C-alpha cells in the first residue's frame, strides 16, 4: 500500500511539472509563424493578422481576355451587360414556356373534369328510368365505349403535357433558373 502511494505521488508530480511547462496551442502557432521563413515572391500573403481593413482586395486569377486584347473597361461593361441581358431574355423565355405548359395542363384537367361530370349526369339519367335503360341499352353501350376512349385520350394528353412541363423545368434548372422562379 505504501508503494502505491509513492507511485501515485510521483505521477502527480510529473503531471504537474508537464502542465506547468506546456504551451497553449495559440502560443505554439505564434512561435511557429515567427520562425517560418518569409515568402520571397512578389505576391502578398494575407491572413487574419495582416488583412487590410481600409482597402479592397483584388480577385486572384489570370487577367481577363478583354484586358489582354486591350479593350477598354467600357467595352467590358457593355459586353457584360449584353451577356446579362441575353441570359435574362433566355430565362424569361423558359419561364414563359413553363407557364404556358402549366396553363395547358390546367385546361386539359378542366376538360377532363367537365367530361366526367357530363358522363355522371347522363348515367344518372339513364339509370333513373328502367324503361329507357332497357330500350336504349345498345346505344348506351356504344356511347359508353366512346366515352371511355375519350377519357383515355384526355388522360394521355395530360400525361404528355406533364412530361413536357418536367422537361421544360429541367431545361430551366440546367440553365440556372431558380426553382422558386419556375413555380
Foldseek 3Di string as FASTA:
>chain_A
DVVVVVVVVVVVVVVVVCVVPDDDPVVVVVVVVVVDDDDPDPDDDDDPVPDDDPDDDDDDDDDDPCVVVPHDPVVVVVVVVVVVVVLVVVLVVLLVQLVVLVVVLVVLVVVLVVLVVVVVVVVCVLVVDPVSCVVCVVVVVVVVVVSVVVNVVSVVVNVVSVVVSVVSLVVSVVSPNDPVSND
